C-alpha atoms as a PDB file:
ATOM      1  CA  MET A   1      19.053 -16.690  30.352  1.00  0.00           C
ATOM      2  CA  PRO A   2      15.669 -14.948  29.784  1.00  0.00           C
ATOM      3  CA  SER A   3      12.752 -16.906  28.361  1.00  0.00           C
ATOM      4  CA  PRO A   4      12.003 -16.479  24.630  1.00  0.00           C
ATOM      5  CA  LYS A   5       8.987 -14.274  25.429  1.00  0.00           C
ATOM      6  CA  ALA A   6      10.980 -12.089  27.800  1.00  0.00           C
ATOM      7  CA  ALA A   7      13.819 -11.832  25.273  1.00  0.00           C
ATOM      8  CA  GLY A   8      11.322 -10.897  22.580  1.00  0.00           C
ATOM      9  CA  ARG A   9       9.910  -8.101  24.736  1.00  0.00           C
ATOM     10  CA  ARG A  10      13.419  -6.790  25.416  1.00  0.00           C
ATOM     11  CA  HIS A  11      14.254  -6.817  21.710  1.00  0.00           C
ATOM     12  CA  THR A  12      11.030  -4.962  20.941  1.00  0.00           C
ATOM     13  CA  ALA A  13      11.643  -2.362  23.662  1.00  0.00           C
ATOM     14  CA  ILE A  14      15.190  -1.723  22.444  1.00  0.00           C
ATOM     15  CA  LEU A  15      14.159  -1.378  18.809  1.00  0.00           C
ATOM     16  CA  LEU A  16      11.252   0.934  19.649  1.00  0.00           C
ATOM     17  CA  SER A  17      13.609   3.066  21.738  1.00  0.00           C
ATOM     18  CA  LEU A  18      16.046   3.136  18.824  1.00  0.00           C
ATOM     19  CA  ILE A  19      13.381   4.309  16.381  1.00  0.00           C
ATOM     20  CA  ILE A  20      11.956   6.933  18.747  1.00  0.00           C
ATOM     21  CA  ALA A  21      15.447   8.274  19.451  1.00  0.00           C
ATOM     22  CA  GLY A  22      16.110   8.516  15.717  1.00  0.00           C
ATOM     23  CA  LEU A  23      12.867  10.393  15.103  1.00  0.00           C
ATOM     24  CA  LEU A  24      13.674  12.862  17.875  1.00  0.00           C
ATOM     25  CA  VAL A  25      17.302  13.398  16.882  1.00  0.00           C
ATOM     26  CA  PHE A  26      16.592  13.900  13.186  1.00  0.00           C
ATOM     27  CA  ALA A  27      13.183  15.615  13.345  1.00  0.00           C
ATOM     28  CA  GLN A  28      14.773  18.852  12.140  1.00  0.00           C
ATOM     29  CA  SER A  29      15.749  17.212   8.841  1.00  0.00           C
ATOM     30  CA  MET A  30      12.114  17.456   7.712  1.00  0.00           C
ATOM     31  CA  SER A  31      12.372  21.253   7.582  1.00  0.00           C
ATOM     32  CA  VAL A  32      15.443  21.375   5.319  1.00  0.00           C
ATOM     33  CA  GLY A  33      14.864  22.051   1.620  1.00  0.00           C
ATOM     34  CA  TYR A  34      16.617  20.787  -1.491  1.00  0.00           C
ATOM     35  CA  LEU A  35      20.412  21.076  -1.535  1.00  0.00           C
ATOM     36  CA  ALA A  36      23.149  21.018  -4.207  1.00  0.00           C
ATOM     37  CA  ASP A  37      23.016  17.707  -6.148  1.00  0.00           C
ATOM     38  CA  ASP A  38      19.355  17.213  -5.210  1.00  0.00           C
ATOM     39  CA  PHE A  39      18.343  19.266  -8.233  1.00  0.00           C
ATOM     40  CA  ASP A  40      20.428  17.141 -10.627  1.00  0.00           C
ATOM     41  CA  TRP A  41      18.994  13.896  -9.278  1.00  0.00           C
ATOM     42  CA  LEU A  42      15.438  15.209  -9.467  1.00  0.00           C
ATOM     43  CA  ILE A  43      15.940  16.243 -13.091  1.00  0.00           C
ATOM     44  CA  PHE A  44      17.048  12.719 -13.974  1.00  0.00           C
ATOM     45  CA  ALA A  45      14.202  11.234 -11.949  1.00  0.00           C
ATOM     46  CA  THR A  46      11.410  13.346 -13.459  1.00  0.00           C
ATOM     47  CA  ASP A  47      12.533  14.243 -17.003  1.00  0.00           C
ATOM     48  CA  THR A  48      11.134  11.729 -19.515  1.00  0.00           C
ATOM     49  CA  ARG A  49      14.165  12.221 -21.758  1.00  0.00           C
ATOM     50  CA  TYR A  50      16.218  10.155 -19.343  1.00  0.00           C
ATOM     51  CA  ASP A  51      15.918   6.413 -18.904  1.00  0.00           C
ATOM     52  CA  LEU A  52      16.264   4.682 -15.548  1.00  0.00           C
ATOM     53  CA  LEU A  53      19.383   2.868 -16.796  1.00  0.00           C
ATOM     54  CA  ASP A  54      21.133   5.976 -18.134  1.00  0.00           C
ATOM     55  CA  PRO A  55      24.438   6.888 -16.425  1.00  0.00           C
ATOM     56  CA  ILE A  56      24.072  10.034 -14.332  1.00  0.00           C
ATOM     57  CA  ALA A  57      26.470  12.991 -14.312  1.00  0.00           C
ATOM     58  CA  THR A  58      25.780  15.021 -11.160  1.00  0.00           C
ATOM     59  CA  ALA A  59      27.163  18.337  -9.977  1.00  0.00           C
ATOM     60  CA  GLY A  60      30.235  16.491  -8.715  1.00  0.00           C
ATOM     61  CA  THR A  61      32.910  14.882 -10.868  1.00  0.00           C
ATOM     62  CA  GLY A  62      32.388  11.639 -12.716  1.00  0.00           C
ATOM     63  CA  THR A  63      29.440   9.696 -14.100  1.00  0.00           C
ATOM     64  CA  TYR A  64      27.546   7.140 -12.053  1.00  0.00           C
ATOM     65  CA  PHE A  65      25.273   4.172 -12.643  1.00  0.00           C
ATOM     66  CA  ARG A  66      22.943   4.137  -9.656  1.00  0.00           C
ATOM     67  CA  PRO A  67      19.466   3.238 -10.962  1.00  0.00           C
ATOM     68  CA  LEU A  68      18.061   2.360  -7.540  1.00  0.00           C
ATOM     69  CA  ILE A  69      18.567   5.953  -6.392  1.00  0.00           C
ATOM     70  CA  THR A  70      16.730   7.308  -9.429  1.00  0.00           C
ATOM     71  CA  LEU A  71      13.940   4.749  -9.000  1.00  0.00           C
ATOM     72  CA  SER A  72      13.455   5.663  -5.327  1.00  0.00           C
ATOM     73  CA  LEU A  73      13.156   9.343  -6.230  1.00  0.00           C
ATOM     74  CA  GLN A  74      10.697   8.568  -9.031  1.00  0.00           C
ATOM     75  CA  LEU A  75       8.463   6.549  -6.722  1.00  0.00           C
ATOM     76  CA  GLU A  76       8.547   9.252  -4.049  1.00  0.00           C
ATOM     77  CA  GLN A  77       7.730  11.961  -6.605  1.00  0.00           C
ATOM     78  CA  ALA A  78       4.726   9.916  -7.756  1.00  0.00           C
ATOM     79  CA  ILE A  79       3.551   9.374  -4.175  1.00  0.00           C
ATOM     80  CA  GLY A  80       4.204  12.875  -2.861  1.00  0.00           C
ATOM     81  CA  GLY A  81       3.229  15.071  -5.791  1.00  0.00           C
ATOM     82  CA  GLU A  82       3.452  18.662  -4.584  1.00  0.00           C
ATOM     83  CA  GLN A  83       4.567  17.405  -1.158  1.00  0.00           C
ATOM     84  CA  ALA A  84       7.351  15.255  -2.605  1.00  0.00           C
ATOM     85  CA  LEU A  85      10.023  17.063  -0.589  1.00  0.00           C
ATOM     86  CA  GLN A  86       8.581  15.721   2.672  1.00  0.00           C
ATOM     87  CA  VAL A  87       8.333  12.236   1.193  1.00  0.00           C
ATOM     88  CA  HIS A  88      11.994  12.385   0.141  1.00  0.00           C
ATOM     89  CA  LYS A  89      13.042  13.559   3.591  1.00  0.00           C
ATOM     90  CA  GLY A  90      10.918  10.951   5.324  1.00  0.00           C
ATOM     91  CA  ALA A  91      12.387   8.227   3.126  1.00  0.00           C
ATOM     92  CA  ASN A  92      15.937   9.330   3.939  1.00  0.00           C
ATOM     93  CA  LEU A  93      15.161   9.120   7.649  1.00  0.00           C
ATOM     94  CA  ALA A  94      13.464   5.732   7.233  1.00  0.00           C
ATOM     95  CA  PHE A  95      16.501   4.339   5.393  1.00  0.00           C
ATOM     96  CA  HIS A  96      18.745   5.358   8.257  1.00  0.00           C
ATOM     97  CA  LEU A  97      16.441   4.007  10.961  1.00  0.00           C
ATOM     98  CA  ILE A  98      16.200   0.623   9.243  1.00  0.00           C
ATOM     99  CA  SER A  99      19.986   0.527   8.905  1.00  0.00           C
ATOM    100  CA  ALA A 100      20.305   1.121  12.652  1.00  0.00           C
ATOM    101  CA  VAL A 101      17.922  -1.790  13.259  1.00  0.00           C
ATOM    102  CA  MET A 102      20.118  -3.945  10.997  1.00  0.00           C
ATOM    103  CA  VAL A 103      23.198  -2.977  13.025  1.00  0.00           C
ATOM    104  CA  TYR A 104      21.370  -4.189  16.131  1.00  0.00           C
ATOM    105  CA  GLY A 105      20.431  -7.463  14.471  1.00  0.00           C
ATOM    106  CA  ILE A 106      23.923  -8.108  13.096  1.00  0.00           C
ATOM    107  CA  THR A 107      25.610  -7.407  16.426  1.00  0.00           C
ATOM    108  CA  PHE A 108      23.196  -9.647  18.304  1.00  0.00           C
ATOM    109  CA  LEU A 109      23.662 -12.498  15.826  1.00  0.00           C
ATOM    110  CA  ILE A 110      27.429 -12.262  16.278  1.00  0.00           C
ATOM    111  CA  CYS A 111      27.742 -11.954  20.054  1.00  0.00           C
ATOM    112  CA  SER A 112      24.247 -12.622  21.515  1.00  0.00           C
ATOM    113  CA  ARG A 113      24.526  -9.528  23.716  1.00  0.00           C
ATOM    114  CA  MET A 114      21.486  -7.224  23.782  1.00  0.00           C
ATOM    115  CA  ASP A 115      23.365  -4.517  25.655  1.00  0.00           C
ATOM    116  CA  LEU A 116      26.262  -4.462  23.197  1.00  0.00           C
ATOM    117  CA  ALA A 117      23.899  -4.619  20.213  1.00  0.00           C
ATOM    118  CA  ALA A 118      21.853  -1.731  21.611  1.00  0.00           C
ATOM    119  CA  GLY A 119      24.944   0.358  22.323  1.00  0.00           C
ATOM    120  CA  LEU A 120      26.457  -0.085  18.870  1.00  0.00           C
ATOM    121  CA  SER A 121      23.157   0.526  17.081  1.00  0.00           C
ATOM    122  CA  PHE A 122      22.555   3.745  19.045  1.00  0.00           C
ATOM    123  CA  LEU A 123      26.113   4.854  18.272  1.00  0.00           C
ATOM    124  CA  PHE A 124      25.504   4.197  14.588  1.00  0.00           C
ATOM    125  CA  LEU A 125      22.169   6.008  14.785  1.00  0.00           C
ATOM    126  CA  VAL A 126      23.534   9.306  16.143  1.00  0.00           C
ATOM    127  CA  HIS A 127      27.090   9.330  14.776  1.00  0.00           C
ATOM    128  CA  PRO A 128      27.913  12.721  13.169  1.00  0.00           C
ATOM    129  CA  ALA A 129      29.097  11.010   9.972  1.00  0.00           C
ATOM    130  CA  VAL A 130      25.524   9.953   9.122  1.00  0.00           C
ATOM    131  CA  VAL A 131      23.995  13.437   9.373  1.00  0.00           C
ATOM    132  CA  PRO A 132      24.376  14.273   5.638  1.00  0.00           C
ATOM    133  CA  SER A 133      22.717  10.990   4.674  1.00  0.00           C
ATOM    134  CA  VAL A 134      19.597  12.032   6.563  1.00  0.00           C
ATOM    135  CA  PHE A 135      19.455  15.772   5.836  1.00  0.00           C
ATOM    136  CA  TRP A 136      20.668  15.730   2.222  1.00  0.00           C
ATOM    137  CA  ILE A 137      18.436  13.873  -0.231  1.00  0.00           C
ATOM    138  CA  SER A 138      21.262  13.097  -2.673  1.00  0.00           C
ATOM    139  CA  ALA A 139      23.309  11.509   0.116  1.00  0.00           C
ATOM    140  CA  ARG A 140      20.871   8.595   0.084  1.00  0.00           C
ATOM    141  CA  VAL A 141      23.396   6.967  -2.230  1.00  0.00           C
ATOM    142  CA  ASP A 142      25.202   6.138   1.021  1.00  0.00           C
ATOM    143  CA  SER A 143      22.218   5.461   3.283  1.00  0.00           C
ATOM    144  CA  LEU A 144      20.356   3.284   0.765  1.00  0.00           C
ATOM    145  CA  MET A 145      23.515   1.346  -0.072  1.00  0.00           C
ATOM    146  CA  ALA A 146      24.198   0.922   3.661  1.00  0.00           C
ATOM    147  CA  LEU A 147      20.660  -0.322   4.263  1.00  0.00           C
ATOM    148  CA  PHE A 148      20.976  -3.118   1.695  1.00  0.00           C
ATOM    149  CA  TYR A 149      24.620  -3.804   2.590  1.00  0.00           C
ATOM    150  CA  LEU A 150      23.753  -4.317   6.242  1.00  0.00           C
ATOM    151  CA  SER A 151      20.634  -6.301   5.340  1.00  0.00           C
ATOM    152  CA  ALA A 152      22.733  -8.673   3.212  1.00  0.00           C
ATOM    153  CA  ILE A 153      25.107  -9.239   6.137  1.00  0.00           C
ATOM    154  CA  PHE A 154      22.168  -9.849   8.487  1.00  0.00           C
ATOM    155  CA  PHE A 155      20.537 -12.401   6.155  1.00  0.00           C
ATOM    156  CA  PHE A 156      23.898 -14.136   5.594  1.00  0.00           C
ATOM    157  CA  LEU A 157      24.547 -14.445   9.325  1.00  0.00           C
ATOM    158  CA  ALA A 158      21.009 -15.766   9.810  1.00  0.00           C
ATOM    159  CA  PHE A 159      21.640 -18.273   7.001  1.00  0.00           C
ATOM    160  CA  LEU A 160      24.796 -19.477   8.757  1.00  0.00           C
ATOM    161  CA  ARG A 161      22.627 -20.245  11.792  1.00  0.00           C
ATOM    162  CA  LYS A 162      19.567 -21.801  10.133  1.00  0.00           C
ATOM    163  CA  ALA A 163      20.757 -22.867   6.644  1.00  0.00           C
ATOM    164  CA  ASP A 164      17.425 -21.725   5.199  1.00  0.00           C
ATOM    165  CA  PRO A 165      17.871 -21.213   1.411  1.00  0.00           C
ATOM    166  CA  TRP A 166      15.388 -18.323   1.471  1.00  0.00           C
ATOM    167  CA  LEU A 167      17.779 -16.394   3.710  1.00  0.00           C
ATOM    168  CA  LEU A 168      20.507 -16.892   1.116  1.00  0.00           C
ATOM    169  CA  ILE A 169      18.147 -15.638  -1.600  1.00  0.00           C
ATOM    170  CA  LEU A 170      17.374 -12.562   0.486  1.00  0.00           C
ATOM    171  CA  CYS A 171      21.109 -12.041   0.988  1.00  0.00           C
ATOM    172  CA  ALA A 172      21.753 -12.197  -2.768  1.00  0.00           C
ATOM    173  CA  THR A 173      18.820  -9.869  -3.499  1.00  0.00           C
ATOM    174  CA  THR A 174      19.924  -7.217  -1.022  1.00  0.00           C
ATOM    175  CA  PHE A 175      23.523  -7.568  -2.272  1.00  0.00           C
ATOM    176  CA  LEU A 176      22.321  -6.762  -5.800  1.00  0.00           C
ATOM    177  CA  ALA A 177      20.298  -3.825  -4.465  1.00  0.00           C
ATOM    178  CA  ALA A 178      23.388  -2.470  -2.686  1.00  0.00           C
ATOM    179  CA  LEU A 179      25.315  -2.625  -5.975  1.00  0.00           C
ATOM    180  CA  LEU A 180      22.543  -0.757  -7.801  1.00  0.00           C
ATOM    181  CA  ALA A 181      22.571   1.960  -5.119  1.00  0.00           C
ATOM    182  CA  LYS A 182      26.326   2.600  -5.046  1.00  0.00           C
ATOM    183  CA  GLU A 183      29.459   0.943  -6.372  1.00  0.00           C
ATOM    184  CA  THR A 184      30.846   0.544  -2.838  1.00  0.00           C
ATOM    185  CA  GLY A 185      28.387  -2.307  -2.421  1.00  0.00           C
ATOM    186  CA  SER A 186      30.876  -4.492  -4.320  1.00  0.00           C
ATOM    187  CA  THR A 187      33.003  -4.722  -1.137  1.00  0.00           C
ATOM    188  CA  LEU A 188      30.268  -6.911   0.315  1.00  0.00           C
ATOM    189  CA  VAL A 189      31.922  -9.834  -1.483  1.00  0.00           C
ATOM    190  CA  ILE A 190      34.924  -9.470   0.834  1.00  0.00           C
ATOM    191  CA  THR A 191      32.765  -9.058   3.946  1.00  0.00           C
ATOM    192  CA  LEU A 192      30.675 -12.152   3.263  1.00  0.00           C
ATOM    193  CA  THR A 193      33.763 -14.175   2.331  1.00  0.00           C
ATOM    194  CA  VAL A 194      35.362 -13.360   5.681  1.00  0.00           C
ATOM    195  CA  LEU A 195      32.155 -14.326   7.509  1.00  0.00           C
ATOM    196  CA  ALA A 196      31.956 -17.591   5.556  1.00  0.00           C
ATOM    197  CA  LEU A 197      35.564 -18.438   6.418  1.00  0.00           C
ATOM    198  CA  LEU A 198      34.944 -17.703  10.085  1.00  0.00           C
ATOM    199  CA  ALA A 199      31.855 -19.899   9.996  1.00  0.00           C
ATOM    200  CA  HIS A 200      33.974 -22.873   8.916  1.00  0.00           C
ATOM    201  CA  ARG A 201      36.269 -22.504  11.917  1.00  0.00           C
ATOM    202  CA  PRO A 202      35.513 -24.918  14.821  1.00  0.00           C
ATOM    203  CA  GLN A 203      34.143 -22.136  17.044  1.00  0.00           C
ATOM    204  CA  GLY A 204      32.075 -20.503  14.248  1.00  0.00           C
ATOM    205  CA  VAL A 205      31.517 -16.771  13.704  1.00  0.00           C
ATOM    206  CA  ASN A 206      30.446 -16.133  17.298  1.00  0.00           C
ATOM    207  CA  GLY A 207      33.370 -17.948  18.862  1.00  0.00           C
ATOM    208  CA  ALA A 208      35.927 -16.461  16.470  1.00  0.00           C
ATOM    209  CA  PHE A 209      34.632 -12.971  17.178  1.00  0.00           C
ATOM    210  CA  VAL A 210      34.820 -13.517  20.933  1.00  0.00           C
ATOM    211  CA  ALA A 211      38.315 -14.979  20.669  1.00  0.00           C
ATOM    212  CA  LYS A 212      39.552 -11.871  18.899  1.00  0.00           C
ATOM    213  CA  THR A 213      37.787  -9.260  21.014  1.00  0.00           C
ATOM    214  CA  GLY A 214      38.052 -10.636  24.535  1.00  0.00           C
ATOM    215  CA  ARG A 215      35.746 -11.409  27.462  1.00  0.00           C
ATOM    216  CA  TRP A 216      33.809  -8.130  27.311  1.00  0.00           C
ATOM    217  CA  VAL A 217      31.776  -9.372  24.321  1.00  0.00           C
ATOM    218  CA  ARG A 218      31.317 -12.909  25.598  1.00  0.00           C
ATOM    219  CA  PRO A 219      27.661 -14.057  25.193  1.00  0.00           C
ATOM    220  CA  LEU A 220      25.432 -13.950  28.268  1.00  0.00           C
END
């Protein structure tokens, strides 16, 4: 068992490696222009005729209520001005990198294995399914929802360990943010319920997870 300082250095090294790998893998995304639904979202974000709480009808089918997406685009437009495209692209990449960090944190809280946490977070980072969420500005509906979804899980797992009410407040706040980014965030109720039920078992979340997945995820 490494000392707390040594463990802290290992965590830092893994997370820095994760971020650097993400920057290298997705560097090309910064050179891609606006695509498809990007123009619809930008109209809603910049046209004063539309309110932040207005439902949005994009180039696809259906009408959506995703105010957090519109707000993020508005803020980036205000910050970037004529260079707003690069700010949008940089934000998309940042959302994905933070989500990968959350995957690392969640996995470590569950099984206390740095190697497994690093492996799963790197897999999440470079998986082909996430490419649109980084390259396509409008696809941030998935990446921003995922960021807050994963953050809510992380804060809930941390709350189960420390019982700090502020962690529960952070969990509720990020849960709300996930809902305001995309409707899929509502499934977080099921995820957190399952985690809460596991926590009330004698072996807790960690033990229940190990019991179901075998010796290869057993804590060091």
